[in-house]
Amino acid sequence: MSIYQIFLRGVFDGDGSVFYEKNAPHSSIRSKFVSSSEGFIKGINDNLMRLGMPGRTIYRQKTKNGWYYMFAYAHKNSLKLRDILYKNGSASLFLKRKFDVFEKGIKGAGNG
């Protein structure tokens, strides 16, 4: 596992999310990264592209305290993200509840 993957997993555990799309069939999962720094979120997107993920559009959203920036993946690329974040990594250095959503998504997709 590369240092990029370890760093990205930490960022995902802190400022990412994985969830089920309520209106999608067959337990479709979605994943996203969020940051209050546009430069940081662009860097995350760029590093994920180096690891084989598709480039994503970065969205800017206003909040009462400022702006946040985010990008998201649909089901197929969420599963690819899961492989990047968790394959060949330490079994003890991740947020289990997020990992479990990915695992449930794989089972729901009929992939294992």
PDB file of N, CA and C in Angstrom:
ATOM      1  N   MET A   1       0.857  -1.178   0.000  1.00  0.00           N
ATOM      2  CA  MET A   1       0.000   0.000   0.000  1.00  0.00           C
ATOM      3  C   MET A   1       0.897   1.232   0.000  1.00  0.00           C
ATOM      4  N   SER A   2       0.593   2.172  -0.873  1.00  0.00           N
ATOM      5  CA  SER A   2       1.423   3.371  -0.982  1.00  0.00           C
ATOM      6  C   SER A   2       1.075   4.379   0.110  1.00  0.00           C
ATOM      7  N   ILE A   3       1.979   5.312   0.307  1.00  0.00           N
ATOM      8  CA  ILE A   3       1.744   6.376   1.277  1.00  0.00           C
ATOM      9  C   ILE A   3       0.528   7.214   0.881  1.00  0.00           C
ATOM     10  N   TYR A   4       0.291   7.369  -0.445  1.00  0.00           N
ATOM     11  CA  TYR A   4      -0.904   8.081  -0.908  1.00  0.00           C
ATOM     12  C   TYR A   4      -2.169   7.374  -0.440  1.00  0.00           C
ATOM     13  N   GLN A   5      -2.174   6.055  -0.562  1.00  0.00           N
ATOM     14  CA  GLN A   5      -3.361   5.294  -0.163  1.00  0.00           C
ATOM     15  C   GLN A   5      -3.615   5.408   1.336  1.00  0.00           C
ATOM     16  N   ILE A   6      -2.558   5.328   2.129  1.00  0.00           N
ATOM     17  CA  ILE A   6      -2.715   5.456   3.579  1.00  0.00           C
ATOM     18  C   ILE A   6      -3.240   6.842   3.925  1.00  0.00           C
ATOM     19  N   PHE A   7      -2.658   7.873   3.315  1.00  0.00           N
ATOM     20  CA  PHE A   7      -3.113   9.240   3.563  1.00  0.00           C
ATOM     21  C   PHE A   7      -4.573   9.412   3.138  1.00  0.00           C
ATOM     22  N   LEU A   8      -4.921   8.924   1.948  1.00  0.00           N
ATOM     23  CA  LEU A   8      -6.289   9.069   1.445  1.00  0.00           C
ATOM     24  C   LEU A   8      -7.292   8.344   2.339  1.00  0.00           C
ATOM     25  N   ARG A   9      -6.915   7.192   2.861  1.00  0.00           N
ATOM     26  CA  ARG A   9      -7.809   6.482   3.776  1.00  0.00           C
ATOM     27  C   ARG A   9      -8.049   7.307   5.032  1.00  0.00           C
ATOM     28  N   GLY A  10      -7.006   7.955   5.547  1.00  0.00           N
ATOM     29  CA  GLY A  10      -7.179   8.817   6.713  1.00  0.00           C
ATOM     30  C   GLY A  10      -8.078  10.006   6.411  1.00  0.00           C
ATOM     31  N   VAL A  11      -7.886  10.617   5.251  1.00  0.00           N
ATOM     32  CA  VAL A  11      -8.741  11.738   4.842  1.00  0.00           C
ATOM     33  C   VAL A  11     -10.185  11.264   4.699  1.00  0.00           C
ATOM     34  N   PHE A  12     -10.366  10.103   4.064  1.00  0.00           N
ATOM     35  CA  PHE A  12     -11.717   9.573   3.875  1.00  0.00           C
ATOM     36  C   PHE A  12     -12.378   9.295   5.223  1.00  0.00           C
ATOM     37  N   ASP A  13     -11.642   8.693   6.148  1.00  0.00           N
ATOM     38  CA  ASP A  13     -12.212   8.410   7.470  1.00  0.00           C
ATOM     39  C   ASP A  13     -12.620   9.687   8.186  1.00  0.00           C
ATOM     40  N   GLY A  14     -11.866  10.781   7.960  1.00  0.00           N
ATOM     41  CA  GLY A  14     -12.183  12.041   8.624  1.00  0.00           C
ATOM     42  C   GLY A  14     -13.203  12.898   7.897  1.00  0.00           C
ATOM     43  N   ASP A  15     -13.052  13.025   6.577  1.00  0.00           N
ATOM     44  CA  ASP A  15     -13.887  13.964   5.810  1.00  0.00           C
ATOM     45  C   ASP A  15     -14.557  13.331   4.603  1.00  0.00           C
ATOM     46  N   GLY A  16     -14.697  12.041   4.615  1.00  0.00           N
ATOM     47  CA  GLY A  16     -15.385  11.350   3.530  1.00  0.00           C
ATOM     48  C   GLY A  16     -16.645  10.693   4.054  1.00  0.00           C
ATOM     49  N   SER A  17     -17.421  10.173   3.136  1.00  0.00           N
ATOM     50  CA  SER A  17     -18.606   9.420   3.560  1.00  0.00           C
ATOM     51  C   SER A  17     -18.915   8.356   2.519  1.00  0.00           C
ATOM     52  N   VAL A  18     -19.533   7.307   3.000  1.00  0.00           N
ATOM     53  CA  VAL A  18     -20.029   6.245   2.145  1.00  0.00           C
ATOM     54  C   VAL A  18     -21.437   5.944   2.632  1.00  0.00           C
ATOM     55  N   PHE A  19     -22.375   5.832   1.685  1.00  0.00           N
ATOM     56  CA  PHE A  19     -23.778   5.696   2.065  1.00  0.00           C
ATOM     57  C   PHE A  19     -24.543   4.997   0.959  1.00  0.00           C
ATOM     58  N   TYR A  20     -25.753   4.581   1.279  1.00  0.00           N
ATOM     59  CA  TYR A  20     -26.628   3.935   0.308  1.00  0.00           C
ATOM     60  C   TYR A  20     -27.545   4.967  -0.318  1.00  0.00           C
ATOM     61  N   GLU A  21     -27.652   4.914  -1.631  1.00  0.00           N
ATOM     62  CA  GLU A  21     -28.563   5.796  -2.355  1.00  0.00           C
ATOM     63  C   GLU A  21     -29.978   5.281  -2.137  1.00  0.00           C
ATOM     64  N   LYS A  22     -30.813   6.075  -1.526  1.00  0.00           N
ATOM     65  CA  LYS A  22     -32.164   5.638  -1.153  1.00  0.00           C
ATOM     66  C   LYS A  22     -33.015   5.228  -2.348  1.00  0.00           C
ATOM     67  N   ASN A  23     -32.878   5.946  -3.457  1.00  0.00           N
ATOM     68  CA  ASN A  23     -33.746   5.689  -4.606  1.00  0.00           C
ATOM     69  C   ASN A  23     -33.133   4.763  -5.647  1.00  0.00           C
ATOM     70  N   ALA A  24     -31.943   4.236  -5.376  1.00  0.00           N
ATOM     71  CA  ALA A  24     -31.273   3.376  -6.355  1.00  0.00           C
ATOM     72  C   ALA A  24     -31.569   1.901  -6.046  1.00  0.00           C
ATOM     73  N   PRO A  25     -31.747   1.102  -7.067  1.00  0.00           N
ATOM     74  CA  PRO A  25     -32.018  -0.319  -6.848  1.00  0.00           C
ATOM     75  C   PRO A  25     -30.756  -1.072  -6.425  1.00  0.00           C
ATOM     76  N   HIS A  26     -30.954  -2.215  -5.813  1.00  0.00           N
ATOM     77  CA  HIS A  26     -29.878  -3.162  -5.516  1.00  0.00           C
ATOM     78  C   HIS A  26     -28.781  -2.595  -4.626  1.00  0.00           C
ATOM     79  N   SER A  27     -29.152  -1.860  -3.605  1.00  0.00           N
ATOM     80  CA  SER A  27     -28.189  -1.380  -2.609  1.00  0.00           C
ATOM     81  C   SER A  27     -27.024  -0.602  -3.209  1.00  0.00           C
ATOM     82  N   SER A  28     -27.307   0.308  -4.129  1.00  0.00           N
ATOM     83  CA  SER A  28     -26.240   1.127  -4.697  1.00  0.00           C
ATOM     84  C   SER A  28     -25.597   1.978  -3.616  1.00  0.00           C
ATOM     85  N   ILE A  29     -24.271   2.002  -3.619  1.00  0.00           N
ATOM     86  CA  ILE A  29     -23.574   2.847  -2.661  1.00  0.00           C
ATOM     87  C   ILE A  29     -22.979   4.045  -3.379  1.00  0.00           C
ATOM     88  N   ARG A  30     -22.775   5.090  -2.617  1.00  0.00           N
ATOM     89  CA  ARG A  30     -22.144   6.313  -3.092  1.00  0.00           C
ATOM     90  C   ARG A  30     -21.056   6.659  -2.092  1.00  0.00           C
ATOM     91  N   SER A  31     -20.039   7.347  -2.570  1.00  0.00           N
ATOM     92  CA  SER A  31     -18.985   7.806  -1.671  1.00  0.00           C
ATOM     93  C   SER A  31     -18.605   9.224  -2.074  1.00  0.00           C
ATOM     94  N   LYS A  32     -18.103   9.983  -1.096  1.00  0.00           N
ATOM     95  CA  LYS A  32     -17.708  11.350  -1.413  1.00  0.00           C
ATOM     96  C   LYS A  32     -16.643  11.841  -0.448  1.00  0.00           C
ATOM     97  N   PHE A  33     -15.906  12.829  -0.920  1.00  0.00           N
ATOM     98  CA  PHE A  33     -14.919  13.540  -0.121  1.00  0.00           C
ATOM     99  C   PHE A  33     -15.378  14.983   0.005  1.00  0.00           C
ATOM    100  N   VAL A  34     -15.161  15.588   1.178  1.00  0.00           N
ATOM    101  CA  VAL A  34     -15.587  16.960   1.451  1.00  0.00           C
ATOM    102  C   VAL A  34     -14.449  17.698   2.151  1.00  0.00           C
ATOM    103  N   SER A  35     -14.269  18.968   1.826  1.00  0.00           N
ATOM    104  CA  SER A  35     -13.265  19.797   2.501  1.00  0.00           C
ATOM    105  C   SER A  35     -13.678  21.259   2.423  1.00  0.00           C
ATOM    106  N   SER A  36     -13.212  22.039   3.378  1.00  0.00           N
ATOM    107  CA  SER A  36     -13.437  23.490   3.303  1.00  0.00           C
ATOM    108  C   SER A  36     -12.345  24.165   2.479  1.00  0.00           C
ATOM    109  N   SER A  37     -11.359  23.393   2.020  1.00  0.00           N
ATOM    110  CA  SER A  37     -10.264  23.925   1.209  1.00  0.00           C
ATOM    111  C   SER A  37     -10.375  23.431  -0.229  1.00  0.00           C
ATOM    112  N   GLU A  38     -10.551  24.363  -1.150  1.00  0.00           N
ATOM    113  CA  GLU A  38     -10.650  23.995  -2.560  1.00  0.00           C
ATOM    114  C   GLU A  38      -9.353  23.355  -3.062  1.00  0.00           C
ATOM    115  N   GLY A  39      -8.213  23.905  -2.679  1.00  0.00           N
ATOM    116  CA  GLY A  39      -6.935  23.347  -3.098  1.00  0.00           C
ATOM    117  C   GLY A  39      -6.728  21.932  -2.577  1.00  0.00           C
ATOM    118  N   PHE A  40      -7.135  21.698  -1.339  1.00  0.00           N
ATOM    119  CA  PHE A  40      -6.978  20.366  -0.750  1.00  0.00           C
ATOM    120  C   PHE A  40      -7.843  19.346  -1.483  1.00  0.00           C
ATOM    121  N   ILE A  41      -9.095  19.680  -1.749  1.00  0.00           N
ATOM    122  CA  ILE A  41      -9.994  18.725  -2.411  1.00  0.00           C
ATOM    123  C   ILE A  41      -9.528  18.457  -3.840  1.00  0.00           C
ATOM    124  N   LYS A  42      -8.985  19.469  -4.496  1.00  0.00           N
ATOM    125  CA  LYS A  42      -8.410  19.257  -5.838  1.00  0.00           C
ATOM    126  C   LYS A  42      -7.222  18.297  -5.759  1.00  0.00           C
ATOM    127  N   GLY A  43      -6.400  18.444  -4.733  1.00  0.00           N
ATOM    128  CA  GLY A  43      -5.269  17.546  -4.539  1.00  0.00           C
ATOM    129  C   GLY A  43      -5.711  16.109  -4.288  1.00  0.00           C
ATOM    130  N   ILE A  44      -6.760  15.941  -3.520  1.00  0.00           N
ATOM    131  CA  ILE A  44      -7.300  14.590  -3.271  1.00  0.00           C
ATOM    132  C   ILE A  44      -7.782  13.991  -4.592  1.00  0.00           C
ATOM    133  N   ASN A  45      -8.533  14.756  -5.349  1.00  0.00           N
ATOM    134  CA  ASN A  45      -9.029  14.300  -6.648  1.00  0.00           C
ATOM    135  C   ASN A  45      -7.861  13.911  -7.557  1.00  0.00           C
ATOM    136  N   ASP A  46      -6.827  14.743  -7.619  1.00  0.00           N
ATOM    137  CA  ASP A  46      -5.657  14.467  -8.460  1.00  0.00           C
ATOM    138  C   ASP A  46      -4.939  13.193  -8.031  1.00  0.00           C
ATOM    139  N   ASN A  47      -4.758  13.007  -6.730  1.00  0.00           N
ATOM    140  CA  ASN A  47      -4.072  11.807  -6.239  1.00  0.00           C
ATOM    141  C   ASN A  47      -4.887  10.551  -6.493  1.00  0.00           C
ATOM    142  N   LEU A  48      -6.193  10.644  -6.372  1.00  0.00           N
ATOM    143  CA  LEU A  48      -7.035   9.481  -6.685  1.00  0.00           C
ATOM    144  C   LEU A  48      -6.964   9.152  -8.173  1.00  0.00           C
ATOM    145  N   MET A  49      -6.859  10.167  -9.005  1.00  0.00           N
ATOM    146  CA  MET A  49      -6.697   9.929 -10.451  1.00  0.00           C
ATOM    147  C   MET A  49      -5.384   9.189 -10.724  1.00  0.00           C
ATOM    148  N   ARG A  50      -4.319   9.538 -10.023  1.00  0.00           N
ATOM    149  CA  ARG A  50      -3.037   8.837 -10.178  1.00  0.00           C
ATOM    150  C   ARG A  50      -3.138   7.363  -9.782  1.00  0.00           C
ATOM    151  N   LEU A  51      -4.083   7.067  -8.905  1.00  0.00           N
ATOM    152  CA  LEU A  51      -4.293   5.686  -8.453  1.00  0.00           C
ATOM    153  C   LEU A  51      -5.345   4.952  -9.284  1.00  0.00           C
ATOM    154  N   GLY A  52      -5.813   5.581 -10.368  1.00  0.00           N
ATOM    155  CA  GLY A  52      -6.720   4.905 -11.280  1.00  0.00           C
ATOM    156  C   GLY A  52      -8.187   5.284 -11.198  1.00  0.00           C
ATOM    157  N   MET A  53      -8.530   6.211 -10.319  1.00  0.00           N
ATOM    158  CA  MET A  53      -9.921   6.657 -10.231  1.00  0.00           C
ATOM    159  C   MET A  53     -10.183   7.710 -11.308  1.00  0.00           C
ATOM    160  N   PRO A  54     -11.429   7.805 -11.772  1.00  0.00           N
ATOM    161  CA  PRO A  54     -11.748   8.854 -12.746  1.00  0.00           C
ATOM    162  C   PRO A  54     -11.738  10.230 -12.084  1.00  0.00           C
ATOM    163  N   GLY A  55     -11.382  11.247 -12.846  1.00  0.00           N
ATOM    164  CA  GLY A  55     -11.465  12.609 -12.338  1.00  0.00           C
ATOM    165  C   GLY A  55     -12.925  12.989 -12.125  1.00  0.00           C
ATOM    166  N   ARG A  56     -13.181  13.743 -11.107  1.00  0.00           N
ATOM    167  CA  ARG A  56     -14.554  14.134 -10.774  1.00  0.00           C
ATOM    168  C   ARG A  56     -14.694  15.651 -10.796  1.00  0.00           C
ATOM    169  N   THR A  57     -15.894  16.106 -11.040  1.00  0.00           N
ATOM    170  CA  THR A  57     -16.220  17.521 -10.929  1.00  0.00           C
ATOM    171  C   THR A  57     -16.248  17.884  -9.453  1.00  0.00           C
ATOM    172  N   ILE A  58     -15.628  18.997  -9.114  1.00  0.00           N
ATOM    173  CA  ILE A  58     -15.640  19.473  -7.731  1.00  0.00           C
ATOM    174  C   ILE A  58     -16.735  20.516  -7.607  1.00  0.00           C
ATOM    175  N   TYR A  59     -17.638  20.285  -6.662  1.00  0.00           N
ATOM    176  CA  TYR A  59     -18.763  21.187  -6.437  1.00  0.00           C
ATOM    177  C   TYR A  59     -18.477  22.073  -5.230  1.00  0.00           C
ATOM    178  N   ARG A  60     -18.933  23.312  -5.320  1.00  0.00           N
ATOM    179  CA  ARG A  60     -18.785  24.284  -4.244  1.00  0.00           C
ATOM    180  C   ARG A  60     -20.167  24.546  -3.662  1.00  0.00           C
ATOM    181  N   GLN A  61     -20.265  24.486  -2.347  1.00  0.00           N
ATOM    182  CA  GLN A  61     -21.554  24.667  -1.670  1.00  0.00           C
ATOM    183  C   GLN A  61     -21.410  25.702  -0.558  1.00  0.00           C
ATOM    184  N   LYS A  62     -22.321  26.628  -0.505  1.00  0.00           N
ATOM    185  CA  LYS A  62     -22.315  27.669   0.530  1.00  0.00           C
ATOM    186  C   LYS A  62     -22.949  27.129   1.808  1.00  0.00           C
ATOM    187  N   THR A  63     -22.330  27.459   2.931  1.00  0.00           N
ATOM    188  CA  THR A  63     -22.911  27.162   4.238  1.00  0.00           C
ATOM    189  C   THR A  63     -23.027  28.475   4.999  1.00  0.00           C
ATOM    190  N   LYS A  64     -23.600  28.430   6.176  1.00  0.00           N
ATOM    191  CA  LYS A  64     -23.726  29.668   6.949  1.00  0.00           C
ATOM    192  C   LYS A  64     -22.364  30.196   7.404  1.00  0.00           C
ATOM    193  N   ASN A  65     -21.351  29.322   7.439  1.00  0.00           N
ATOM    194  CA  ASN A  65     -20.015  29.731   7.892  1.00  0.00           C
ATOM    195  C   ASN A  65     -18.992  29.869   6.773  1.00  0.00           C
ATOM    196  N   GLY A  66     -19.386  29.706   5.535  1.00  0.00           N
ATOM    197  CA  GLY A  66     -18.438  29.807   4.434  1.00  0.00           C
ATOM    198  C   GLY A  66     -18.784  28.849   3.309  1.00  0.00           C
ATOM    199  N   TRP A  67     -17.746  28.247   2.727  1.00  0.00           N
ATOM    200  CA  TRP A  67     -17.920  27.343   1.604  1.00  0.00           C
ATOM    201  C   TRP A  67     -17.328  25.984   1.925  1.00  0.00           C
ATOM    202  N   TYR A  68     -17.879  24.949   1.277  1.00  0.00           N
ATOM    203  CA  TYR A  68     -17.192  23.669   1.280  1.00  0.00           C
ATOM    204  C   TYR A  68     -17.160  23.145  -0.142  1.00  0.00           C
ATOM    205  N   TYR A  69     -16.237  22.221  -0.392  1.00  0.00           N
ATOM    206  CA  TYR A  69     -15.995  21.659  -1.716  1.00  0.00           C
ATOM    207  C   TYR A  69     -16.092  20.146  -1.616  1.00  0.00           C
ATOM    208  N   MET A  70     -16.677  19.526  -2.640  1.00  0.00           N
ATOM    209  CA  MET A  70     -16.848  18.083  -2.587  1.00  0.00           C
ATOM    210  C   MET A  70     -16.878  17.475  -3.968  1.00  0.00           C
ATOM    211  N   PHE A  71     -16.578  16.183  -4.017  1.00  0.00           N
ATOM    212  CA  PHE A  71     -16.795  15.388  -5.215  1.00  0.00           C
ATOM    213  C   PHE A  71     -17.259  14.013  -4.774  1.00  0.00           C
ATOM    214  N   ALA A  72     -17.942  13.308  -5.686  1.00  0.00           N
ATOM    215  CA  ALA A  72     -18.575  12.046  -5.308  1.00  0.00           C
ATOM    216  C   ALA A  72     -18.396  10.988  -6.392  1.00  0.00           C
ATOM    217  N   TYR A  73     -18.576   9.749  -5.982  1.00  0.00           N
ATOM    218  CA  TYR A  73     -18.537   8.598  -6.880  1.00  0.00           C
ATOM    219  C   TYR A  73     -19.837   7.810  -6.764  1.00  0.00           C
ATOM    220  N   ALA A  74     -20.275   7.267  -7.898  1.00  0.00           N
ATOM    221  CA  ALA A  74     -21.426   6.368  -7.915  1.00  0.00           C
ATOM    222  C   ALA A  74     -20.951   4.956  -7.545  1.00  0.00           C
ATOM    223  N   HIS A  75     -21.843   4.000  -7.642  1.00  0.00           N
ATOM    224  CA  HIS A  75     -21.611   2.651  -7.127  1.00  0.00           C
ATOM    225  C   HIS A  75     -20.329   1.998  -7.654  1.00  0.00           C
ATOM    226  N   LYS A  76     -20.187   1.885  -8.956  1.00  0.00           N
ATOM    227  CA  LYS A  76     -19.044   1.176  -9.536  1.00  0.00           C
ATOM    228  C   LYS A  76     -17.713   1.785  -9.083  1.00  0.00           C
ATOM    229  N   ASN A  77     -17.611   3.104  -9.134  1.00  0.00           N
ATOM    230  CA  ASN A  77     -16.375   3.749  -8.714  1.00  0.00           C
ATOM    231  C   ASN A  77     -16.215   3.787  -7.201  1.00  0.00           C
ATOM    232  N   SER A  78     -17.301   3.707  -6.452  1.00  0.00           N
ATOM    233  CA  SER A  78     -17.198   3.571  -4.993  1.00  0.00           C
ATOM    234  C   SER A  78     -16.550   2.235  -4.641  1.00  0.00           C
ATOM    235  N   LEU A  79     -16.894   1.194  -5.381  1.00  0.00           N
ATOM    236  CA  LEU A  79     -16.273  -0.110  -5.140  1.00  0.00           C
ATOM    237  C   LEU A  79     -14.788  -0.070  -5.498  1.00  0.00           C
ATOM    238  N   LYS A  80     -14.453   0.656  -6.550  1.00  0.00           N
ATOM    239  CA  LYS A  80     -13.049   0.825  -6.933  1.00  0.00           C
ATOM    240  C   LYS A  80     -12.298   1.616  -5.848  1.00  0.00           C
ATOM    241  N   LEU A  81     -12.942   2.645  -5.305  1.00  0.00           N
ATOM    242  CA  LEU A  81     -12.357   3.418  -4.217  1.00  0.00           C
ATOM    243  C   LEU A  81     -12.104   2.524  -3.011  1.00  0.00           C
ATOM    244  N   ARG A  82     -13.036   1.665  -2.719  1.00  0.00           N
ATOM    245  CA  ARG A  82     -12.877   0.724  -1.607  1.00  0.00           C
ATOM    246  C   ARG A  82     -11.606  -0.102  -1.782  1.00  0.00           C
ATOM    247  N   ASP A  83     -11.361  -0.584  -2.981  1.00  0.00           N
ATOM    248  CA  ASP A  83     -10.149  -1.368  -3.229  1.00  0.00           C
ATOM    249  C   ASP A  83      -8.896  -0.532  -3.003  1.00  0.00           C
ATOM    250  N   ILE A  84      -8.910   0.703  -3.442  1.00  0.00           N
ATOM    251  CA  ILE A  84      -7.755   1.580  -3.257  1.00  0.00           C
ATOM    252  C   ILE A  84      -7.509   1.854  -1.777  1.00  0.00           C
ATOM    253  N   LEU A  85      -8.567   2.083  -1.028  1.00  0.00           N
ATOM    254  CA  LEU A  85      -8.418   2.457   0.370  1.00  0.00           C
ATOM    255  C   LEU A  85      -8.103   1.291   1.299  1.00  0.00           C
ATOM    256  N   TYR A  86      -8.584   0.091   0.975  1.00  0.00           N
ATOM    257  CA  TYR A  86      -8.509  -0.993   1.954  1.00  0.00           C
ATOM    258  C   TYR A  86      -7.709  -2.225   1.527  1.00  0.00           C
ATOM    259  N   LYS A  87      -7.455  -2.436   0.255  1.00  0.00           N
ATOM    260  CA  LYS A  87      -6.697  -3.621  -0.150  1.00  0.00           C
ATOM    261  C   LYS A  87      -5.246  -3.474   0.264  1.00  0.00           C
ATOM    262  N   ASN A  88      -4.687  -4.550   0.777  1.00  0.00           N
ATOM    263  CA  ASN A  88      -3.274  -4.610   1.176  1.00  0.00           C
ATOM    264  C   ASN A  88      -2.921  -3.613   2.260  1.00  0.00           C
ATOM    265  N   GLY A  89      -3.874  -3.200   3.045  1.00  0.00           N
ATOM    266  CA  GLY A  89      -3.593  -2.243   4.104  1.00  0.00           C
ATOM    267  C   GLY A  89      -3.646  -2.904   5.471  1.00  0.00           C
ATOM    268  N   SER A  90      -3.289  -2.138   6.453  1.00  0.00           N
ATOM    269  CA  SER A  90      -3.340  -2.627   7.819  1.00  0.00           C
ATOM    270  C   SER A  90      -4.791  -2.864   8.218  1.00  0.00           C
ATOM    271  N   ALA A  91      -5.038  -3.994   8.848  1.00  0.00           N
ATOM    272  CA  ALA A  91      -6.396  -4.357   9.258  1.00  0.00           C
ATOM    273  C   ALA A  91      -6.886  -3.517  10.431  1.00  0.00           C
ATOM    274  N   SER A  92      -6.006  -2.768  11.074  1.00  0.00           N
ATOM    275  CA  SER A  92      -6.432  -2.043  12.268  1.00  0.00           C
ATOM    276  C   SER A  92      -6.498  -0.529  12.087  1.00  0.00           C
ATOM    277  N   LEU A  93      -6.111  -0.019  10.947  1.00  0.00           N
ATOM    278  CA  LEU A  93      -6.034   1.431  10.774  1.00  0.00           C
ATOM    279  C   LEU A  93      -7.095   1.961   9.825  1.00  0.00           C
ATOM    280  N   PHE A  94      -8.345   1.816  10.197  1.00  0.00           N
ATOM    281  CA  PHE A  94      -9.438   2.395   9.432  1.00  0.00           C
ATOM    282  C   PHE A  94     -10.672   2.494  10.311  1.00  0.00           C
ATOM    283  N   LEU A  95     -11.615   3.318   9.866  1.00  0.00           N
ATOM    284  CA  LEU A  95     -12.868   3.479  10.588  1.00  0.00           C
ATOM    285  C   LEU A  95     -13.800   2.343  10.182  1.00  0.00           C
ATOM    286  N   LYS A  96     -14.048   1.429  11.094  1.00  0.00           N
ATOM    287  CA  LYS A  96     -14.776   0.198  10.789  1.00  0.00           C
ATOM    288  C   LYS A  96     -16.179   0.455  10.239  1.00  0.00           C
ATOM    289  N   ARG A  97     -16.874   1.438  10.736  1.00  0.00           N
ATOM    290  CA  ARG A  97     -18.251   1.657  10.271  1.00  0.00           C
ATOM    291  C   ARG A  97     -18.292   2.031   8.785  1.00  0.00           C
ATOM    292  N   LYS A  98     -17.302   2.761   8.300  1.00  0.00           N
ATOM    293  CA  LYS A  98     -17.257   3.093   6.869  1.00  0.00           C
ATOM    294  C   LYS A  98     -16.864   1.870   6.051  1.00  0.00           C
ATOM    295  N   PHE A  99     -15.881   1.138   6.512  1.00  0.00           N
ATOM    296  CA  PHE A  99     -15.474  -0.101   5.848  1.00  0.00           C
ATOM    297  C   PHE A  99     -16.661  -1.061   5.736  1.00  0.00           C
ATOM    298  N   ASP A 100     -17.452  -1.165   6.799  1.00  0.00           N
ATOM    299  CA  ASP A 100     -18.605  -2.080   6.806  1.00  0.00           C
ATOM    300  C   ASP A 100     -19.662  -1.692   5.770  1.00  0.00           C
ATOM    301  N   VAL A 101     -19.840  -0.401   5.517  1.00  0.00           N
ATOM    302  CA  VAL A 101     -20.797   0.031   4.487  1.00  0.00           C
ATOM    303  C   VAL A 101     -20.312  -0.435   3.117  1.00  0.00           C
ATOM    304  N   PHE A 102     -19.019  -0.282   2.850  1.00  0.00           N
ATOM    305  CA  PHE A 102     -18.464  -0.783   1.588  1.00  0.00           C
ATOM    306  C   PHE A 102     -18.692  -2.291   1.470  1.00  0.00           C
ATOM    307  N   GLU A 103     -18.423  -3.023   2.530  1.00  0.00           N
ATOM    308  CA  GLU A 103     -18.566  -4.490   2.490  1.00  0.00           C
ATOM    309  C   GLU A 103     -20.014  -4.884   2.235  1.00  0.00           C
ATOM    310  N   LYS A 104     -20.935  -4.220   2.880  1.00  0.00           N
ATOM    311  CA  LYS A 104     -22.349  -4.498   2.670  1.00  0.00           C
ATOM    312  C   LYS A 104     -22.744  -4.155   1.236  1.00  0.00           C
ATOM    313  N   GLY A 105     -22.184  -3.095   0.691  1.00  0.00           N
ATOM    314  CA  GLY A 105     -22.453  -2.701  -0.696  1.00  0.00           C
ATOM    315  C   GLY A 105     -21.965  -3.745  -1.688  1.00  0.00           C
ATOM    316  N   ILE A 106     -20.828  -4.355  -1.400  1.00  0.00           N
ATOM    317  CA  ILE A 106     -20.297  -5.414  -2.269  1.00  0.00           C
ATOM    318  C   ILE A 106     -21.221  -6.617  -2.244  1.00  0.00           C
ATOM    319  N   LYS A 107     -21.660  -6.995  -1.069  1.00  0.00           N
ATOM    320  CA  LYS A 107     -22.588  -8.140  -0.956  1.00  0.00           C
ATOM    321  C   LYS A 107     -23.912  -7.836  -1.651  1.00  0.00           C
ATOM    322  N   GLY A 108     -24.386  -6.593  -1.510  1.00  0.00           N
ATOM    323  CA  GLY A 108     -25.652  -6.211  -2.146  1.00  0.00           C
ATOM    324  C   GLY A 108     -25.550  -6.160  -3.650  1.00  0.00           C
ATOM    325  N   ALA A 109     -24.345  -5.938  -4.158  1.00  0.00           N
ATOM    326  CA  ALA A 109     -24.148  -5.870  -5.613  1.00  0.00           C
ATOM    327  C   ALA A 109     -23.930  -7.250  -6.223  1.00  0.00           C
ATOM    328  N   GLY A 110     -23.902  -8.273  -5.368  1.00  0.00           N
ATOM    329  CA  GLY A 110     -23.694  -9.622  -5.869  1.00  0.00           C
ATOM    330  C   GLY A 110     -22.246  -9.913  -6.194  1.00  0.00           C
ATOM    331  N   ASN A 111     -21.336  -9.160  -5.600  1.00  0.00           N
ATOM    332  CA  ASN A 111     -19.909  -9.341  -5.868  1.00  0.00           C
ATOM    333  C   ASN A 111     -19.183 -10.090  -4.756  1.00  0.00           C
ATOM    334  N   GLY A 112     -19.888 -10.770  -3.898  1.00  0.00           N
ATOM    335  CA  GLY A 112     -19.149 -11.511  -2.872  1.00  0.00           C
ATOM    336  C   GLY A 112     -19.776 -11.497  -1.554  1.00  0.00           C
TER     337      GLY A 112
END
